[in-house]
Amino acid sequence: MVPGKILADKMIDICGVPPEGTGLQNLRKAIIQTKYKYDAATEDKQVVWKRMIINFIERYFYLIVFAMYVRDIGPKGFPQTFQQFMEANSQLRTMIAEGRGRLEWERKIPDEKLEELKTMLSAPDFKANMSKIIKRIYELSWDMFGDLPRGHHKNNSMHKLASKTMIEILPENLASYIEKKCGSLAGTPDFFDVIGQVSWYEPA
């Protein structure tokens, strides 16, 4: 499959926008750019971007497979159609079907990096730790999206991950309090809303 990918990538690069190519779209870059948009989008809009990403990846895979077909069957004068080639290599369709379920959609800060934050937030004087907690969460979010170029998508992605991380590290008493104030935590309240409510929390 590697030779097929090399050939497909060459064709995809030619189809990219100038000056790299002479066409309208580089499919590989389109996948990356659309994933950036997915990371930064709200959950309702993520549905659209997810569908588009899967579509792009399937196109890319089929281009690689077609390149394999051209390399293998072309020198023989194409005695076999592409459809026949696919039927003879049915495992390729299986790879596509199974691959959809293996795509990782969310970026998550590793659990081991959250233990210190959980400890600071569970302390009796947790409010004294808030500045350190906020700083550390943004540092970790920055690391997780280090591959994104600076700009709107990176800022939104980092803020969204910070919100999810803050919810994840809340001890039970704070989680119950925040849910009463901000609504269901499944909907991931805004980071600053959560921080604000945590700062106002007083033990019963």
C-alpha atoms as a PDB file:
ATOM      1  CA  MET A   1       0.000   0.000   0.000  1.00  0.00           C
ATOM      2  CA  VAL A   2       2.956   2.342   0.593  1.00  0.00           C
ATOM      3  CA  PRO A   3       3.816   2.709  -3.137  1.00  0.00           C
ATOM      4  CA  GLY A   4       0.154   3.509  -3.803  1.00  0.00           C
ATOM      5  CA  LYS A   5       0.181   6.187  -1.107  1.00  0.00           C
ATOM      6  CA  ILE A   6       3.322   7.771  -2.542  1.00  0.00           C
ATOM      7  CA  LEU A   7       1.723   7.992  -5.967  1.00  0.00           C
ATOM      8  CA  ALA A   8      -1.594   9.272  -4.581  1.00  0.00           C
ATOM      9  CA  ASP A   9       0.186  11.934  -2.511  1.00  0.00           C
ATOM     10  CA  LYS A  10       2.041  13.180  -5.591  1.00  0.00           C
ATOM     11  CA  MET A  11      -1.250  13.588  -7.455  1.00  0.00           C
ATOM     12  CA  ILE A  12      -2.908  15.241  -4.457  1.00  0.00           C
ATOM     13  CA  ASP A  13      -0.043  17.739  -4.189  1.00  0.00           C
ATOM     14  CA  ILE A  14      -0.416  18.615  -7.876  1.00  0.00           C
ATOM     15  CA  CYS A  15      -4.130  19.229  -7.276  1.00  0.00           C
ATOM     16  CA  GLY A  16      -3.382  21.647  -4.439  1.00  0.00           C
ATOM     17  CA  VAL A  17      -3.691  25.399  -4.739  1.00  0.00           C
ATOM     18  CA  PRO A  18      -0.788  27.404  -6.196  1.00  0.00           C
ATOM     19  CA  PRO A  19       2.101  27.762  -5.661  1.00  0.00           C
ATOM     20  CA  GLU A  20       2.381  24.154  -4.385  1.00  0.00           C
ATOM     21  CA  GLY A  21      -0.015  22.808  -6.993  1.00  0.00           C
ATOM     22  CA  THR A  22      -2.100  23.771  -9.989  1.00  0.00           C
ATOM     23  CA  GLY A  23      -5.582  22.895  -8.772  1.00  0.00           C
ATOM     24  CA  LEU A  24      -8.188  23.854  -6.166  1.00  0.00           C
ATOM     25  CA  GLN A  25      -7.662  21.607  -3.147  1.00  0.00           C
ATOM     26  CA  ASN A  26      -5.013  19.503  -1.460  1.00  0.00           C
ATOM     27  CA  LEU A  27      -7.062  16.709   0.088  1.00  0.00           C
ATOM     28  CA  ARG A  28      -4.540  15.923   2.832  1.00  0.00           C
ATOM     29  CA  LYS A  29      -4.412  19.551   3.930  1.00  0.00           C
ATOM     30  CA  ALA A  30      -8.215  19.749   3.721  1.00  0.00           C
ATOM     31  CA  ILE A  31      -8.462  16.902   6.252  1.00  0.00           C
ATOM     32  CA  ILE A  32      -6.103  18.687   8.660  1.00  0.00           C
ATOM     33  CA  GLN A  33      -7.781  22.080   8.264  1.00  0.00           C
ATOM     34  CA  THR A  34     -11.257  20.617   8.732  1.00  0.00           C
ATOM     35  CA  LYS A  35     -10.086  18.819  11.892  1.00  0.00           C
ATOM     36  CA  TYR A  36      -8.911  22.201  13.224  1.00  0.00           C
ATOM     37  CA  LYS A  37     -12.414  23.546  12.621  1.00  0.00           C
ATOM     38  CA  TYR A  38     -13.925  20.501  14.307  1.00  0.00           C
ATOM     39  CA  ASP A  39     -11.742  20.974  17.403  1.00  0.00           C
ATOM     40  CA  ALA A  40     -12.801  24.612  17.749  1.00  0.00           C
ATOM     41  CA  ALA A  41     -16.505  24.166  16.920  1.00  0.00           C
ATOM     42  CA  THR A  42     -19.486  23.885  19.242  1.00  0.00           C
ATOM     43  CA  GLU A  43     -20.976  20.414  19.612  1.00  0.00           C
ATOM     44  CA  ASP A  44     -23.851  21.069  17.188  1.00  0.00           C
ATOM     45  CA  LYS A  45     -21.473  22.220  14.449  1.00  0.00           C
ATOM     46  CA  GLN A  46     -19.057  19.377  15.104  1.00  0.00           C
ATOM     47  CA  VAL A  47     -21.584  16.994  13.554  1.00  0.00           C
ATOM     48  CA  VAL A  48     -21.150  18.722  10.184  1.00  0.00           C
ATOM     49  CA  TRP A  49     -17.349  18.860  10.360  1.00  0.00           C
ATOM     50  CA  LYS A  50     -17.165  15.228  11.480  1.00  0.00           C
ATOM     51  CA  ARG A  51     -19.196  14.084   8.495  1.00  0.00           C
ATOM     52  CA  MET A  52     -16.959  16.114   6.178  1.00  0.00           C
ATOM     53  CA  ILE A  53     -13.746  14.740   7.718  1.00  0.00           C
ATOM     54  CA  ILE A  54     -14.931  11.137   7.336  1.00  0.00           C
ATOM     55  CA  ASN A  55     -15.861  11.884   3.721  1.00  0.00           C
ATOM     56  CA  PHE A  56     -12.409  13.364   3.041  1.00  0.00           C
ATOM     57  CA  ILE A  57     -10.606  10.436   4.689  1.00  0.00           C
ATOM     58  CA  GLU A  58     -12.629   7.909   2.686  1.00  0.00           C
ATOM     59  CA  ARG A  59     -11.780   9.787  -0.514  1.00  0.00           C
ATOM     60  CA  TYR A  60      -8.119   9.767   0.432  1.00  0.00           C
ATOM     61  CA  PHE A  61      -8.171   6.047   1.131  1.00  0.00           C
ATOM     62  CA  TYR A  62      -9.881   5.281  -2.182  1.00  0.00           C
ATOM     63  CA  LEU A  63      -7.330   7.412  -4.035  1.00  0.00           C
ATOM     64  CA  ILE A  64      -4.546   5.360  -2.454  1.00  0.00           C
ATOM     65  CA  VAL A  65      -6.319   2.146  -3.397  1.00  0.00           C
ATOM     66  CA  PHE A  66      -6.875   3.402  -6.956  1.00  0.00           C
ATOM     67  CA  ALA A  67      -3.177   4.255  -7.189  1.00  0.00           C
ATOM     68  CA  MET A  68      -2.412   0.681  -6.085  1.00  0.00           C
ATOM     69  CA  TYR A  69      -4.728  -0.566  -8.815  1.00  0.00           C
ATOM     70  CA  VAL A  70      -2.999   1.566 -11.462  1.00  0.00           C
ATOM     71  CA  ARG A  71       0.466   0.413 -10.391  1.00  0.00           C
ATOM     72  CA  ASP A  72      -0.479  -3.276 -10.215  1.00  0.00           C
ATOM     73  CA  ILE A  73      -2.919  -3.654 -13.094  1.00  0.00           C
ATOM     74  CA  GLY A  74      -1.835  -0.837 -15.418  1.00  0.00           C
ATOM     75  CA  PRO A  75       1.361  -2.507 -16.695  1.00  0.00           C
ATOM     76  CA  LYS A  76      -0.739  -5.528 -17.702  1.00  0.00           C
ATOM     77  CA  GLY A  77      -3.023  -3.382 -19.883  1.00  0.00           C
ATOM     78  CA  PHE A  78      -5.876  -3.114 -17.364  1.00  0.00           C
ATOM     79  CA  PRO A  79      -7.407  -6.569 -17.878  1.00  0.00           C
ATOM     80  CA  GLN A  80      -9.339  -5.982 -14.653  1.00  0.00           C
ATOM     81  CA  THR A  81     -11.669  -3.072 -13.873  1.00  0.00           C
ATOM     82  CA  PHE A  82     -11.296  -1.142 -10.625  1.00  0.00           C
ATOM     83  CA  GLN A  83     -14.568  -2.598  -9.391  1.00  0.00           C
ATOM     84  CA  GLN A  84     -13.264  -6.106 -10.042  1.00  0.00           C
ATOM     85  CA  PHE A  85     -10.023  -5.179  -8.266  1.00  0.00           C
ATOM     86  CA  MET A  86     -12.006  -4.065  -5.222  1.00  0.00           C
ATOM     87  CA  GLU A  87     -14.094  -7.233  -5.256  1.00  0.00           C
ATOM     88  CA  ALA A  88     -10.917  -9.310  -5.395  1.00  0.00           C
ATOM     89  CA  ASN A  89      -9.526  -7.347  -2.452  1.00  0.00           C
ATOM     90  CA  SER A  90     -12.634  -7.120  -0.279  1.00  0.00           C
ATOM     91  CA  GLN A  91     -10.516  -6.591   2.833  1.00  0.00           C
ATOM     92  CA  LEU A  92      -9.967  -3.009   1.645  1.00  0.00           C
ATOM     93  CA  ARG A  93     -13.666  -2.182   2.090  1.00  0.00           C
ATOM     94  CA  THR A  94     -13.506  -3.797   5.525  1.00  0.00           C
ATOM     95  CA  MET A  95     -10.583  -1.542   6.439  1.00  0.00           C
ATOM     96  CA  ILE A  96     -12.670   1.505   5.544  1.00  0.00           C
ATOM     97  CA  ALA A  97     -15.704   0.343   7.523  1.00  0.00           C
ATOM     98  CA  GLU A  98     -13.672  -0.569  10.609  1.00  0.00           C
ATOM     99  CA  GLY A  99     -11.473   2.505  10.350  1.00  0.00           C
ATOM    100  CA  ARG A 100     -14.404   4.863  10.919  1.00  0.00           C
ATOM    101  CA  GLY A 101     -14.803   3.561  14.444  1.00  0.00           C
ATOM    102  CA  ARG A 102     -11.119   3.988  15.266  1.00  0.00           C
ATOM    103  CA  LEU A 103     -10.859   7.689  14.530  1.00  0.00           C
ATOM    104  CA  GLU A 104     -10.048   9.768  17.619  1.00  0.00           C
ATOM    105  CA  TRP A 105     -12.176  12.903  17.711  1.00  0.00           C
ATOM    106  CA  GLU A 106     -11.368  14.478  21.041  1.00  0.00           C
ATOM    107  CA  ARG A 107      -8.084  15.644  22.481  1.00  0.00           C
ATOM    108  CA  LYS A 108      -7.785  14.916  26.161  1.00  0.00           C
ATOM    109  CA  ILE A 109      -5.113  15.837  28.666  1.00  0.00           C
ATOM    110  CA  PRO A 110      -3.550  12.608  30.042  1.00  0.00           C
ATOM    111  CA  ASP A 111      -4.950  11.583  33.431  1.00  0.00           C
ATOM    112  CA  GLU A 112      -1.543  11.539  35.098  1.00  0.00           C
ATOM    113  CA  LYS A 113      -1.143  15.255  34.368  1.00  0.00           C
ATOM    114  CA  LEU A 114      -4.442  16.043  36.082  1.00  0.00           C
ATOM    115  CA  GLU A 115      -3.704  14.442  39.452  1.00  0.00           C
ATOM    116  CA  GLU A 116      -1.885  17.485  40.821  1.00  0.00           C
ATOM    117  CA  LEU A 117      -4.763  19.747  39.756  1.00  0.00           C
ATOM    118  CA  LYS A 118      -7.311  17.459  41.417  1.00  0.00           C
ATOM    119  CA  THR A 119      -5.286  17.543  44.625  1.00  0.00           C
ATOM    120  CA  MET A 120      -5.091  21.352  44.628  1.00  0.00           C
ATOM    121  CA  LEU A 121      -8.825  21.671  43.961  1.00  0.00           C
ATOM    122  CA  SER A 122      -9.729  19.199  46.693  1.00  0.00           C
ATOM    123  CA  ALA A 123      -7.690  21.026  49.353  1.00  0.00           C
ATOM    124  CA  PRO A 124      -9.581  22.907  52.105  1.00  0.00           C
ATOM    125  CA  ASP A 125      -7.967  26.168  50.960  1.00  0.00           C
ATOM    126  CA  PHE A 126      -8.473  25.416  47.231  1.00  0.00           C
ATOM    127  CA  LYS A 127      -9.305  29.064  46.463  1.00  0.00           C
ATOM    128  CA  ALA A 128      -5.702  29.995  47.217  1.00  0.00           C
ATOM    129  CA  ASN A 129      -4.693  27.566  44.457  1.00  0.00           C
ATOM    130  CA  MET A 130      -7.026  28.895  41.772  1.00  0.00           C
ATOM    131  CA  SER A 131      -4.464  31.053  39.980  1.00  0.00           C
ATOM    132  CA  LYS A 132      -2.080  28.084  39.745  1.00  0.00           C
ATOM    133  CA  ILE A 133      -4.888  25.795  38.579  1.00  0.00           C
ATOM    134  CA  ILE A 134      -6.011  28.192  35.843  1.00  0.00           C
ATOM    135  CA  LYS A 135      -2.431  28.752  34.654  1.00  0.00           C
ATOM    136  CA  ARG A 136      -1.665  25.035  34.577  1.00  0.00           C
ATOM    137  CA  ILE A 137      -4.852  24.142  32.703  1.00  0.00           C
ATOM    138  CA  TYR A 138      -4.034  26.671  29.989  1.00  0.00           C
ATOM    139  CA  GLU A 139      -0.443  25.439  29.796  1.00  0.00           C
ATOM    140  CA  LEU A 140      -1.671  21.874  29.287  1.00  0.00           C
ATOM    141  CA  SER A 141      -4.264  23.004  26.739  1.00  0.00           C
ATOM    142  CA  TRP A 142      -1.563  24.890  24.851  1.00  0.00           C
ATOM    143  CA  ASP A 143       0.585  21.749  24.758  1.00  0.00           C
ATOM    144  CA  MET A 144      -2.310  19.653  23.474  1.00  0.00           C
ATOM    145  CA  PHE A 145      -2.917  22.033  20.572  1.00  0.00           C
ATOM    146  CA  GLY A 146       0.697  22.853  19.868  1.00  0.00           C
ATOM    147  CA  ASP A 147       0.267  21.695  16.258  1.00  0.00           C
ATOM    148  CA  LEU A 148      -2.404  24.311  15.491  1.00  0.00           C
ATOM    149  CA  PRO A 149      -1.288  27.659  14.053  1.00  0.00           C
ATOM    150  CA  ARG A 150      -1.939  30.727  16.179  1.00  0.00           C
ATOM    151  CA  GLY A 151      -5.346  32.269  15.646  1.00  0.00           C
ATOM    152  CA  HIS A 152      -9.078  31.868  16.161  1.00  0.00           C
ATOM    153  CA  HIS A 153      -9.217  28.066  15.844  1.00  0.00           C
ATOM    154  CA  LYS A 154      -6.367  27.520  18.295  1.00  0.00           C
ATOM    155  CA  ASN A 155      -7.823  29.927  20.859  1.00  0.00           C
ATOM    156  CA  ASN A 156     -11.279  28.345  20.676  1.00  0.00           C
ATOM    157  CA  SER A 157      -9.869  24.814  20.847  1.00  0.00           C
ATOM    158  CA  MET A 158      -7.761  25.626  23.895  1.00  0.00           C
ATOM    159  CA  HIS A 159     -10.666  27.342  25.662  1.00  0.00           C
ATOM    160  CA  LYS A 160     -12.972  24.413  24.971  1.00  0.00           C
ATOM    161  CA  LEU A 161     -10.434  21.890  26.276  1.00  0.00           C
ATOM    162  CA  ALA A 162      -9.841  24.061  29.344  1.00  0.00           C
ATOM    163  CA  SER A 163     -13.593  23.983  30.052  1.00  0.00           C
ATOM    164  CA  LYS A 164     -13.762  20.198  29.775  1.00  0.00           C
ATOM    165  CA  THR A 165     -10.639  19.772  31.905  1.00  0.00           C
ATOM    166  CA  MET A 166     -11.974  22.031  34.630  1.00  0.00           C
ATOM    167  CA  ILE A 167     -15.178  20.004  34.787  1.00  0.00           C
ATOM    168  CA  GLU A 168     -13.192  16.770  34.906  1.00  0.00           C
ATOM    169  CA  ILE A 169     -11.058  17.757  37.901  1.00  0.00           C
ATOM    170  CA  LEU A 170     -13.908  19.098  40.059  1.00  0.00           C
ATOM    171  CA  PRO A 171     -14.355  17.195  43.336  1.00  0.00           C
ATOM    172  CA  GLU A 172     -17.874  15.914  43.996  1.00  0.00           C
ATOM    173  CA  ASN A 173     -18.979  18.799  46.207  1.00  0.00           C
ATOM    174  CA  LEU A 174     -17.910  21.436  43.668  1.00  0.00           C
ATOM    175  CA  ALA A 175     -19.306  19.452  40.745  1.00  0.00           C
ATOM    176  CA  SER A 176     -22.756  19.324  42.386  1.00  0.00           C
ATOM    177  CA  TYR A 177     -22.593  23.044  43.154  1.00  0.00           C
ATOM    178  CA  ILE A 178     -21.521  23.988  39.605  1.00  0.00           C
ATOM    179  CA  GLU A 179     -24.249  21.829  38.095  1.00  0.00           C
ATOM    180  CA  LYS A 180     -26.874  23.677  40.130  1.00  0.00           C
ATOM    181  CA  LYS A 181     -25.479  27.033  39.051  1.00  0.00           C
ATOM    182  CA  CYS A 182     -24.518  26.361  35.415  1.00  0.00           C
ATOM    183  CA  GLY A 183     -26.735  23.469  34.370  1.00  0.00           C
ATOM    184  CA  SER A 184     -25.793  19.980  33.247  1.00  0.00           C
ATOM    185  CA  LEU A 185     -22.057  19.395  33.186  1.00  0.00           C
ATOM    186  CA  ALA A 186     -22.541  17.129  30.172  1.00  0.00           C
ATOM    187  CA  GLY A 187     -23.056  20.287  28.155  1.00  0.00           C
ATOM    188  CA  THR A 188     -19.646  21.601  29.307  1.00  0.00           C
ATOM    189  CA  PRO A 189     -20.297  25.049  30.819  1.00  0.00           C
ATOM    190  CA  ASP A 190     -17.913  27.820  29.805  1.00  0.00           C
ATOM    191  CA  PHE A 191     -14.542  27.796  31.552  1.00  0.00           C
ATOM    192  CA  PHE A 192     -14.884  31.319  32.941  1.00  0.00           C
ATOM    193  CA  ASP A 193     -18.415  30.620  34.210  1.00  0.00           C
ATOM    194  CA  VAL A 194     -17.130  27.597  36.105  1.00  0.00           C
ATOM    195  CA  ILE A 195     -14.146  29.505  37.501  1.00  0.00           C
ATOM    196  CA  GLY A 196     -16.444  32.305  38.631  1.00  0.00           C
ATOM    197  CA  GLN A 197     -18.832  29.962  40.411  1.00  0.00           C
ATOM    198  CA  VAL A 198     -15.999  28.027  42.044  1.00  0.00           C
ATOM    199  CA  SER A 199     -14.605  31.286  43.443  1.00  0.00           C
ATOM    200  CA  TRP A 200     -18.005  32.047  45.008  1.00  0.00           C
ATOM    201  CA  TYR A 201     -18.437  28.595  46.536  1.00  0.00           C
ATOM    202  CA  GLU A 202     -18.743  28.391  50.306  1.00  0.00           C
ATOM    203  CA  PRO A 203     -18.977  25.042  52.141  1.00  0.00           C
ATOM    204  CA  ALA A 204     -22.287  24.412  53.854  1.00  0.00           C
END
